[in-house]
Amino acid sequence: MSQIKEIIEIHPPSGMYWPNSRNEQIRSKIYRCPVCNGEGGRYIDGRSFSYDPKQGEHYEPCVLCKGTGEIQCNVNIEWVAIGEIKEQFKTKNNEEKNSI
């Protein structure tokens, strides 16, 4: 059976002048909620398994989409420096900051 896949390719930022915010946000396309099949919830009546006579018949929103019928994935990527500062770039100020 055929299927569409969304793939994220991660590449480090290029150039010396990367913005101060080293965060990226990627959003997927909007999908129909798989829990409620895009209906936004379900109607609870006397035939439902979770029917409570005290509440009567009512509409219960979906736990995943909160009643919208649609969901979307948000991915946050943060680039951080790791490891030790190389000798040629060490200064007195950097050493003081690292020792704190």
PDB file of N, CA and C in Angstrom:
ATOM      1  N   MET A   1       0.840  -1.179   0.000  1.00  0.00           N
ATOM      2  CA  MET A   1       0.000   0.000   0.000  1.00  0.00           C
ATOM      3  C   MET A   1       0.879   1.234   0.000  1.00  0.00           C
ATOM      4  N   SER A   2       0.495   2.246  -0.733  1.00  0.00           N
ATOM      5  CA  SER A   2       1.267   3.487  -0.839  1.00  0.00           C
ATOM      6  C   SER A   2       1.091   4.350   0.396  1.00  0.00           C
ATOM      7  N   GLN A   3       2.102   5.171   0.647  1.00  0.00           N
ATOM      8  CA  GLN A   3       2.034   6.050   1.805  1.00  0.00           C
ATOM      9  C   GLN A   3       2.950   7.258   1.576  1.00  0.00           C
ATOM     10  N   ILE A   4       2.549   8.402   2.103  1.00  0.00           N
ATOM     11  CA  ILE A   4       3.347   9.619   2.013  1.00  0.00           C
ATOM     12  C   ILE A   4       4.082   9.795   3.331  1.00  0.00           C
ATOM     13  N   LYS A   5       5.387  10.087   3.266  1.00  0.00           N
ATOM     14  CA  LYS A   5       6.183  10.305   4.462  1.00  0.00           C
ATOM     15  C   LYS A   5       6.766  11.710   4.430  1.00  0.00           C
ATOM     16  N   GLU A   6       6.792  12.353   5.594  1.00  0.00           N
ATOM     17  CA  GLU A   6       7.471  13.628   5.733  1.00  0.00           C
ATOM     18  C   GLU A   6       8.790  13.353   6.437  1.00  0.00           C
ATOM     19  N   ILE A   7       9.886  13.782   5.845  1.00  0.00           N
ATOM     20  CA  ILE A   7      11.216  13.519   6.383  1.00  0.00           C
ATOM     21  C   ILE A   7      11.903  14.856   6.668  1.00  0.00           C
ATOM     22  N   ILE A   8      12.518  14.970   7.830  1.00  0.00           N
ATOM     23  CA  ILE A   8      13.268  16.170   8.192  1.00  0.00           C
ATOM     24  C   ILE A   8      14.742  15.880   7.998  1.00  0.00           C
ATOM     25  N   GLU A   9      15.414  16.722   7.218  1.00  0.00           N
ATOM     26  CA  GLU A   9      16.863  16.623   7.067  1.00  0.00           C
ATOM     27  C   GLU A   9      17.479  17.723   7.917  1.00  0.00           C
ATOM     28  N   ILE A  10      18.392  17.339   8.797  1.00  0.00           N
ATOM     29  CA  ILE A  10      19.023  18.298   9.692  1.00  0.00           C
ATOM     30  C   ILE A  10      20.423  18.604   9.181  1.00  0.00           C
ATOM     31  N   HIS A  11      20.685  19.897   8.953  1.00  0.00           N
ATOM     32  CA  HIS A  11      21.992  20.365   8.514  1.00  0.00           C
ATOM     33  C   HIS A  11      22.419  21.497   9.439  1.00  0.00           C
ATOM     34  N   PRO A  12      23.677  21.515   9.867  1.00  0.00           N
ATOM     35  CA  PRO A  12      24.120  22.605  10.737  1.00  0.00           C
ATOM     36  C   PRO A  12      24.098  23.937   9.985  1.00  0.00           C
ATOM     37  N   PRO A  13      23.963  25.032  10.726  1.00  0.00           N
ATOM     38  CA  PRO A  13      23.948  26.348  10.084  1.00  0.00           C
ATOM     39  C   PRO A  13      25.286  26.626   9.421  1.00  0.00           C
ATOM     40  N   SER A  14      25.262  27.354   8.329  1.00  0.00           N
ATOM     41  CA  SER A  14      26.504  27.657   7.622  1.00  0.00           C
ATOM     42  C   SER A  14      26.816  29.136   7.761  1.00  0.00           C
ATOM     43  N   GLY A  15      28.085  29.475   7.730  1.00  0.00           N
ATOM     44  CA  GLY A  15      28.506  30.876   7.798  1.00  0.00           C
ATOM     45  C   GLY A  15      28.825  31.293   9.222  1.00  0.00           C
ATOM     46  N   MET A  16      29.604  32.345   9.331  1.00  0.00           N
ATOM     47  CA  MET A  16      30.036  32.855  10.627  1.00  0.00           C
ATOM     48  C   MET A  16      28.962  33.681  11.315  1.00  0.00           C
ATOM     49  N   TYR A  17      28.015  34.189  10.577  1.00  0.00           N
ATOM     50  CA  TYR A  17      27.056  35.124  11.143  1.00  0.00           C
ATOM     51  C   TYR A  17      25.681  34.508  11.292  1.00  0.00           C
ATOM     52  N   TRP A  18      25.622  33.414  12.030  1.00  0.00           N
ATOM     53  CA  TRP A  18      24.347  32.771  12.328  1.00  0.00           C
ATOM     54  C   TRP A  18      23.602  33.667  13.302  1.00  0.00           C
ATOM     55  N   PRO A  19      22.293  33.791  13.177  1.00  0.00           N
ATOM     56  CA  PRO A  19      21.540  34.676  14.080  1.00  0.00           C
ATOM     57  C   PRO A  19      21.747  34.312  15.551  1.00  0.00           C
ATOM     58  N   ASN A  20      21.539  35.299  16.437  1.00  0.00           N
ATOM     59  CA  ASN A  20      21.713  35.072  17.876  1.00  0.00           C
ATOM     60  C   ASN A  20      20.833  33.936  18.370  1.00  0.00           C
ATOM     61  N   SER A  21      19.631  33.835  17.846  1.00  0.00           N
ATOM     62  CA  SER A  21      18.753  32.738  18.215  1.00  0.00           C
ATOM     63  C   SER A  21      19.137  31.521  17.398  1.00  0.00           C
ATOM     64  N   ARG A  22      19.631  30.512  18.058  1.00  0.00           N
ATOM     65  CA  ARG A  22      20.067  29.305  17.353  1.00  0.00           C
ATOM     66  C   ARG A  22      18.980  28.244  17.355  1.00  0.00           C
ATOM     67  N   ASN A  23      17.761  28.696  17.288  1.00  0.00           N
ATOM     68  CA  ASN A  23      16.617  27.788  17.292  1.00  0.00           C
ATOM     69  C   ASN A  23      15.915  27.829  15.942  1.00  0.00           C
ATOM     70  N   GLU A  24      15.430  26.689  15.543  1.00  0.00           N
ATOM     71  CA  GLU A  24      14.630  26.579  14.324  1.00  0.00           C
ATOM     72  C   GLU A  24      13.313  25.907  14.698  1.00  0.00           C
ATOM     73  N   GLN A  25      12.263  26.276  14.009  1.00  0.00           N
ATOM     74  CA  GLN A  25      10.981  25.617  14.232  1.00  0.00           C
ATOM     75  C   GLN A  25      10.459  25.132  12.884  1.00  0.00           C
ATOM     76  N   ILE A  26      10.098  23.870  12.852  1.00  0.00           N
ATOM     77  CA  ILE A  26       9.578  23.253  11.633  1.00  0.00           C
ATOM     78  C   ILE A  26       8.177  22.743  11.942  1.00  0.00           C
ATOM     79  N   ARG A  27       7.251  23.023  11.040  1.00  0.00           N
ATOM     80  CA  ARG A  27       5.875  22.548  11.218  1.00  0.00           C
ATOM     81  C   ARG A  27       5.506  21.606  10.078  1.00  0.00           C
ATOM     82  N   SER A  28       4.822  20.552  10.447  1.00  0.00           N
ATOM     83  CA  SER A  28       4.368  19.600   9.434  1.00  0.00           C
ATOM     84  C   SER A  28       3.101  20.133   8.780  1.00  0.00           C
ATOM     85  N   LYS A  29       2.642  19.399   7.805  1.00  0.00           N
ATOM     86  CA  LYS A  29       1.341  19.740   7.240  1.00  0.00           C
ATOM     87  C   LYS A  29       0.253  19.389   8.254  1.00  0.00           C
ATOM     88  N   ILE A  30      -0.940  19.843   8.025  1.00  0.00           N
ATOM     89  CA  ILE A  30      -2.052  19.589   8.936  1.00  0.00           C
ATOM     90  C   ILE A  30      -2.682  18.236   8.583  1.00  0.00           C
ATOM     91  N   TYR A  31      -2.889  17.421   9.605  1.00  0.00           N
ATOM     92  CA  TYR A  31      -3.460  16.093   9.422  1.00  0.00           C
ATOM     93  C   TYR A  31      -4.834  15.998  10.066  1.00  0.00           C
ATOM     94  N   ARG A  32      -5.648  15.116   9.535  1.00  0.00           N
ATOM     95  CA  ARG A  32      -6.914  14.786  10.177  1.00  0.00           C
ATOM     96  C   ARG A  32      -6.597  13.959  11.411  1.00  0.00           C
ATOM     97  N   CYS A  33      -7.270  14.233  12.504  1.00  0.00           N
ATOM     98  CA  CYS A  33      -7.018  13.537  13.765  1.00  0.00           C
ATOM     99  C   CYS A  33      -7.333  12.044  13.609  1.00  0.00           C
ATOM    100  N   PRO A  34      -6.351  11.173  13.933  1.00  0.00           N
ATOM    101  CA  PRO A  34      -6.596   9.738  13.792  1.00  0.00           C
ATOM    102  C   PRO A  34      -7.460   9.151  14.905  1.00  0.00           C
ATOM    103  N   VAL A  35      -7.583   9.836  16.027  1.00  0.00           N
ATOM    104  CA  VAL A  35      -8.374   9.317  17.138  1.00  0.00           C
ATOM    105  C   VAL A  35      -9.860   9.460  16.850  1.00  0.00           C
ATOM    106  N   CYS A  36     -10.275  10.657  16.436  1.00  0.00           N
ATOM    107  CA  CYS A  36     -11.703  10.900  16.194  1.00  0.00           C
ATOM    108  C   CYS A  36     -12.041  10.914  14.705  1.00  0.00           C
ATOM    109  N   ASN A  37     -11.040  10.653  13.847  1.00  0.00           N
ATOM    110  CA  ASN A  37     -11.220  10.641  12.398  1.00  0.00           C
ATOM    111  C   ASN A  37     -11.722  11.989  11.872  1.00  0.00           C
ATOM    112  N   GLY A  38     -11.258  13.069  12.508  1.00  0.00           N
ATOM    113  CA  GLY A  38     -11.605  14.410  12.040  1.00  0.00           C
ATOM    114  C   GLY A  38     -12.949  14.921  12.507  1.00  0.00           C
ATOM    115  N   GLU A  39     -13.655  14.160  13.334  1.00  0.00           N
ATOM    116  CA  GLU A  39     -14.978  14.575  13.803  1.00  0.00           C
ATOM    117  C   GLU A  39     -14.899  15.563  14.963  1.00  0.00           C
ATOM    118  N   GLY A  40     -13.783  15.602  15.672  1.00  0.00           N
ATOM    119  CA  GLY A  40     -13.624  16.505  16.795  1.00  0.00           C
ATOM    120  C   GLY A  40     -14.041  15.918  18.124  1.00  0.00           C
ATOM    121  N   GLY A  41     -14.645  14.786  18.116  1.00  0.00           N
ATOM    122  CA  GLY A  41     -15.080  14.153  19.361  1.00  0.00           C
ATOM    123  C   GLY A  41     -16.121  13.100  19.081  1.00  0.00           C
ATOM    124  N   ARG A  42     -16.930  12.843  20.091  1.00  0.00           N
ATOM    125  CA  ARG A  42     -17.974  11.832  19.901  1.00  0.00           C
ATOM    126  C   ARG A  42     -19.206  12.206  20.722  1.00  0.00           C
ATOM    127  N   TYR A  43     -20.315  11.737  20.242  1.00  0.00           N
ATOM    128  CA  TYR A  43     -21.579  11.969  20.923  1.00  0.00           C
ATOM    129  C   TYR A  43     -21.841  10.801  21.853  1.00  0.00           C
ATOM    130  N   ILE A  44     -22.133  11.088  23.108  1.00  0.00           N
ATOM    131  CA  ILE A  44     -22.391  10.036  24.084  1.00  0.00           C
ATOM    132  C   ILE A  44     -23.890   9.996  24.364  1.00  0.00           C
ATOM    133  N   ASP A  45     -24.457   8.842  24.101  1.00  0.00           N
ATOM    134  CA  ASP A  45     -25.888   8.654  24.371  1.00  0.00           C
ATOM    135  C   ASP A  45     -26.078   7.347  25.128  1.00  0.00           C
ATOM    136  N   GLY A  46     -27.295   6.915  25.289  1.00  0.00           N
ATOM    137  CA  GLY A  46     -27.610   5.710  26.056  1.00  0.00           C
ATOM    138  C   GLY A  46     -26.994   4.446  25.505  1.00  0.00           C
ATOM    139  N   ARG A  47     -26.608   4.426  24.240  1.00  0.00           N
ATOM    140  CA  ARG A  47     -26.005   3.228  23.647  1.00  0.00           C
ATOM    141  C   ARG A  47     -24.498   3.191  23.838  1.00  0.00           C
ATOM    142  N   SER A  48     -23.886   4.306  24.287  1.00  0.00           N
ATOM    143  CA  SER A  48     -22.434   4.390  24.431  1.00  0.00           C
ATOM    144  C   SER A  48     -21.961   3.638  25.661  1.00  0.00           C
ATOM    145  N   PHE A  49     -20.751   3.120  25.593  1.00  0.00           N
ATOM    146  CA  PHE A  49     -20.157   2.371  26.694  1.00  0.00           C
ATOM    147  C   PHE A  49     -19.947   3.267  27.918  1.00  0.00           C
ATOM    148  N   SER A  50     -19.539   4.527  27.698  1.00  0.00           N
ATOM    149  CA  SER A  50     -19.246   5.430  28.812  1.00  0.00           C
ATOM    150  C   SER A  50     -20.423   6.346  29.154  1.00  0.00           C
ATOM    151  N   TYR A  51     -21.637   5.906  28.877  1.00  0.00           N
ATOM    152  CA  TYR A  51     -22.824   6.716  29.167  1.00  0.00           C
ATOM    153  C   TYR A  51     -23.052   6.813  30.672  1.00  0.00           C
ATOM    154  N   ASP A  52     -23.278   8.036  31.150  1.00  0.00           N
ATOM    155  CA  ASP A  52     -23.569   8.274  32.565  1.00  0.00           C
ATOM    156  C   ASP A  52     -24.929   8.944  32.651  1.00  0.00           C
ATOM    157  N   PRO A  53     -25.919   8.296  33.245  1.00  0.00           N
ATOM    158  CA  PRO A  53     -27.261   8.877  33.303  1.00  0.00           C
ATOM    159  C   PRO A  53     -27.301  10.244  33.994  1.00  0.00           C
ATOM    160  N   LYS A  54     -26.383  10.486  34.930  1.00  0.00           N
ATOM    161  CA  LYS A  54     -26.347  11.783  35.613  1.00  0.00           C
ATOM    162  C   LYS A  54     -25.996  12.913  34.658  1.00  0.00           C
ATOM    163  N   GLN A  55     -25.085  12.638  33.709  1.00  0.00           N
ATOM    164  CA  GLN A  55     -24.686  13.660  32.735  1.00  0.00           C
ATOM    165  C   GLN A  55     -25.671  13.742  31.575  1.00  0.00           C
ATOM    166  N   GLY A  56     -26.334  12.669  31.304  1.00  0.00           N
ATOM    167  CA  GLY A  56     -27.245  12.645  30.168  1.00  0.00           C
ATOM    168  C   GLY A  56     -26.478  12.533  28.867  1.00  0.00           C
ATOM    169  N   GLU A  57     -27.171  12.804  27.758  1.00  0.00           N
ATOM    170  CA  GLU A  57     -26.514  12.743  26.456  1.00  0.00           C
ATOM    171  C   GLU A  57     -25.743  14.044  26.247  1.00  0.00           C
ATOM    172  N   HIS A  58     -24.515  13.896  25.782  1.00  0.00           N
ATOM    173  CA  HIS A  58     -23.690  15.079  25.552  1.00  0.00           C
ATOM    174  C   HIS A  58     -22.592  14.761  24.544  1.00  0.00           C
ATOM    175  N   TYR A  59     -21.911  15.820  24.117  1.00  0.00           N
ATOM    176  CA  TYR A  59     -20.814  15.688  23.167  1.00  0.00           C
ATOM    177  C   TYR A  59     -19.507  15.772  23.939  1.00  0.00           C
ATOM    178  N   GLU A  60     -18.605  14.814  23.708  1.00  0.00           N
ATOM    179  CA  GLU A  60     -17.316  14.779  24.390  1.00  0.00           C
ATOM    180  C   GLU A  60     -16.207  15.081  23.372  1.00  0.00           C
ATOM    181  N   PRO A  61     -15.415  16.142  23.591  1.00  0.00           N
ATOM    182  CA  PRO A  61     -14.345  16.455  22.639  1.00  0.00           C
ATOM    183  C   PRO A  61     -13.246  15.400  22.662  1.00  0.00           C
ATOM    184  N   CYS A  62     -12.559  15.265  21.547  1.00  0.00           N
ATOM    185  CA  CYS A  62     -11.463  14.305  21.399  1.00  0.00           C
ATOM    186  C   CYS A  62     -10.307  14.687  22.320  1.00  0.00           C
ATOM    187  N   VAL A  63      -9.645  13.680  22.897  1.00  0.00           N
ATOM    188  CA  VAL A  63      -8.535  13.939  23.808  1.00  0.00           C
ATOM    189  C   VAL A  63      -7.279  14.411  23.074  1.00  0.00           C
ATOM    190  N   LEU A  64      -7.117  14.088  21.795  1.00  0.00           N
ATOM    191  CA  LEU A  64      -5.923  14.474  21.056  1.00  0.00           C
ATOM    192  C   LEU A  64      -6.069  15.844  20.402  1.00  0.00           C
ATOM    193  N   CYS A  65      -7.128  16.051  19.660  1.00  0.00           N
ATOM    194  CA  CYS A  65      -7.285  17.314  18.910  1.00  0.00           C
ATOM    195  C   CYS A  65      -8.098  18.361  19.652  1.00  0.00           C
ATOM    196  N   LYS A  66      -8.618  18.024  20.818  1.00  0.00           N
ATOM    197  CA  LYS A  66      -9.393  18.947  21.665  1.00  0.00           C
ATOM    198  C   LYS A  66     -10.628  19.513  20.972  1.00  0.00           C
ATOM    199  N   GLY A  67     -11.159  18.763  20.018  1.00  0.00           N
ATOM    200  CA  GLY A  67     -12.396  19.160  19.361  1.00  0.00           C
ATOM    201  C   GLY A  67     -12.231  19.842  18.020  1.00  0.00           C
ATOM    202  N   THR A  68     -10.995  20.040  17.547  1.00  0.00           N
ATOM    203  CA  THR A  68     -10.786  20.718  16.257  1.00  0.00           C
ATOM    204  C   THR A  68     -10.879  19.759  15.078  1.00  0.00           C
ATOM    205  N   GLY A  69     -10.535  18.499  15.284  1.00  0.00           N
ATOM    206  CA  GLY A  69     -10.549  17.528  14.199  1.00  0.00           C
ATOM    207  C   GLY A  69      -9.257  17.494  13.408  1.00  0.00           C
ATOM    208  N   GLU A  70      -8.304  18.389  13.742  1.00  0.00           N
ATOM    209  CA  GLU A  70      -7.036  18.449  13.021  1.00  0.00           C
ATOM    210  C   GLU A  70      -5.878  18.546  14.004  1.00  0.00           C
ATOM    211  N   ILE A  71      -4.723  17.985  13.590  1.00  0.00           N
ATOM    212  CA  ILE A  71      -3.506  18.059  14.399  1.00  0.00           C
ATOM    213  C   ILE A  71      -2.332  18.432  13.505  1.00  0.00           C
ATOM    214  N   GLN A  72      -1.281  18.946  14.129  1.00  0.00           N
ATOM    215  CA  GLN A  72      -0.078  19.341  13.399  1.00  0.00           C
ATOM    216  C   GLN A  72       1.127  19.097  14.299  1.00  0.00           C
ATOM    217  N   CYS A  73       2.238  18.694  13.720  1.00  0.00           N
ATOM    218  CA  CYS A  73       3.460  18.438  14.467  1.00  0.00           C
ATOM    219  C   CYS A  73       4.356  19.677  14.417  1.00  0.00           C
ATOM    220  N   ASN A  74       4.842  20.113  15.583  1.00  0.00           N
ATOM    221  CA  ASN A  74       5.802  21.205  15.679  1.00  0.00           C
ATOM    222  C   ASN A  74       7.109  20.650  16.215  1.00  0.00           C
ATOM    223  N   VAL A  75       8.199  20.836  15.461  1.00  0.00           N
ATOM    224  CA  VAL A  75       9.510  20.334  15.858  1.00  0.00           C
ATOM    225  C   VAL A  75      10.411  21.534  16.127  1.00  0.00           C
ATOM    226  N   ASN A  76      11.007  21.588  17.305  1.00  0.00           N
ATOM    227  CA  ASN A  76      11.941  22.654  17.658  1.00  0.00           C
ATOM    228  C   ASN A  76      13.351  22.095  17.646  1.00  0.00           C
ATOM    229  N   ILE A  77      14.269  22.789  16.956  1.00  0.00           N
ATOM    230  CA  ILE A  77      15.662  22.367  16.869  1.00  0.00           C
ATOM    231  C   ILE A  77      16.505  23.478  17.477  1.00  0.00           C
ATOM    232  N   GLU A  78      17.403  23.113  18.390  1.00  0.00           N
ATOM    233  CA  GLU A  78      18.297  24.085  19.010  1.00  0.00           C
ATOM    234  C   GLU A  78      19.733  23.646  18.765  1.00  0.00           C
ATOM    235  N   TRP A  79      20.544  24.536  18.199  1.00  0.00           N
ATOM    236  CA  TRP A  79      21.940  24.251  17.951  1.00  0.00           C
ATOM    237  C   TRP A  79      22.755  24.786  19.120  1.00  0.00           C
ATOM    238  N   VAL A  80      23.580  23.932  19.719  1.00  0.00           N
ATOM    239  CA  VAL A  80      24.407  24.326  20.855  1.00  0.00           C
ATOM    240  C   VAL A  80      25.854  23.920  20.613  1.00  0.00           C
ATOM    241  N   ALA A  81      26.771  24.694  21.205  1.00  0.00           N
ATOM    242  CA  ALA A  81      28.196  24.364  21.116  1.00  0.00           C
ATOM    243  C   ALA A  81      28.513  23.322  22.178  1.00  0.00           C
ATOM    244  N   ILE A  82      29.387  22.373  21.828  1.00  0.00           N
ATOM    245  CA  ILE A  82      29.789  21.342  22.794  1.00  0.00           C
ATOM    246  C   ILE A  82      31.307  21.241  22.814  1.00  0.00           C
ATOM    247  N   GLY A  83      31.836  20.644  23.851  1.00  0.00           N
ATOM    248  CA  GLY A  83      33.274  20.399  23.927  1.00  0.00           C
ATOM    249  C   GLY A  83      34.039  21.564  24.525  1.00  0.00           C
ATOM    250  N   GLU A  84      35.353  21.450  24.474  1.00  0.00           N
ATOM    251  CA  GLU A  84      36.262  22.450  25.022  1.00  0.00           C
ATOM    252  C   GLU A  84      36.592  23.510  23.969  1.00  0.00           C
ATOM    253  N   ILE A  85      36.837  24.726  24.455  1.00  0.00           N
ATOM    254  CA  ILE A  85      37.255  25.806  23.551  1.00  0.00           C
ATOM    255  C   ILE A  85      38.681  25.511  23.099  1.00  0.00           C
ATOM    256  N   LYS A  86      38.951  25.675  21.822  1.00  0.00           N
ATOM    257  CA  LYS A  86      40.276  25.394  21.277  1.00  0.00           C
ATOM    258  C   LYS A  86      41.278  26.418  21.812  1.00  0.00           C
ATOM    259  N   GLU A  87      42.516  25.979  21.961  1.00  0.00           N
ATOM    260  CA  GLU A  87      43.569  26.796  22.582  1.00  0.00           C
ATOM    261  C   GLU A  87      43.714  28.165  21.922  1.00  0.00           C
ATOM    262  N   GLN A  88      43.708  28.238  20.597  1.00  0.00           N
ATOM    263  CA  GLN A  88      43.945  29.508  19.921  1.00  0.00           C
ATOM    264  C   GLN A  88      42.817  30.521  20.152  1.00  0.00           C
ATOM    265  N   PHE A  89      41.638  30.042  20.637  1.00  0.00           N
ATOM    266  CA  PHE A  89      40.510  30.939  20.869  1.00  0.00           C
ATOM    267  C   PHE A  89      40.295  31.255  22.338  1.00  0.00           C
ATOM    268  N   LYS A  90      41.084  30.653  23.207  1.00  0.00           N
ATOM    269  CA  LYS A  90      40.922  30.902  24.639  1.00  0.00           C
ATOM    270  C   LYS A  90      41.454  32.288  24.978  1.00  0.00           C
ATOM    271  N   THR A  91      40.683  33.012  25.766  1.00  0.00           N
ATOM    272  CA  THR A  91      41.113  34.308  26.278  1.00  0.00           C
ATOM    273  C   THR A  91      40.889  34.302  27.778  1.00  0.00           C
ATOM    274  N   LYS A  92      41.395  35.314  28.438  1.00  0.00           N
ATOM    275  CA  LYS A  92      41.239  35.394  29.888  1.00  0.00           C
ATOM    276  C   LYS A  92      39.760  35.475  30.258  1.00  0.00           C
ATOM    277  N   ASN A  93      38.963  36.204  29.493  1.00  0.00           N
ATOM    278  CA  ASN A  93      37.529  36.343  29.779  1.00  0.00           C
ATOM    279  C   ASN A  93      36.810  34.995  29.683  1.00  0.00           C
ATOM    280  N   ASN A  94      37.116  34.207  28.643  1.00  0.00           N
ATOM    281  CA  ASN A  94      36.480  32.900  28.479  1.00  0.00           C
ATOM    282  C   ASN A  94      36.836  31.954  29.618  1.00  0.00           C
ATOM    283  N   GLU A  95      38.106  31.999  30.067  1.00  0.00           N
ATOM    284  CA  GLU A  95      38.537  31.128  31.151  1.00  0.00           C
ATOM    285  C   GLU A  95      37.822  31.462  32.445  1.00  0.00           C
ATOM    286  N   GLU A  96      37.605  32.768  32.700  1.00  0.00           N
ATOM    287  CA  GLU A  96      36.894  33.186  33.906  1.00  0.00           C
ATOM    288  C   GLU A  96      35.439  32.733  33.866  1.00  0.00           C
ATOM    289  N   LYS A  97      34.808  32.847  32.705  1.00  0.00           N
ATOM    290  CA  LYS A  97      33.402  32.438  32.564  1.00  0.00           C
ATOM    291  C   LYS A  97      33.267  30.934  32.756  1.00  0.00           C
ATOM    292  N   ASN A  98      34.202  30.158  32.221  1.00  0.00           N
ATOM    293  CA  ASN A  98      34.120  28.696  32.310  1.00  0.00           C
ATOM    294  C   ASN A  98      34.374  28.200  33.730  1.00  0.00           C
ATOM    295  N   SER A  99      35.158  28.939  34.511  1.00  0.00           N
ATOM    296  CA  SER A  99      35.481  28.493  35.859  1.00  0.00           C
ATOM    297  C   SER A  99      34.348  28.794  36.852  1.00  0.00           C
ATOM    298  N   ILE A 100      33.407  29.624  36.479  1.00  0.00           N
ATOM    299  CA  ILE A 100      32.294  29.981  37.379  1.00  0.00           C
ATOM    300  C   ILE A 100      31.281  28.884  37.467  1.00  0.00           C
TER     301      ILE A 100
END
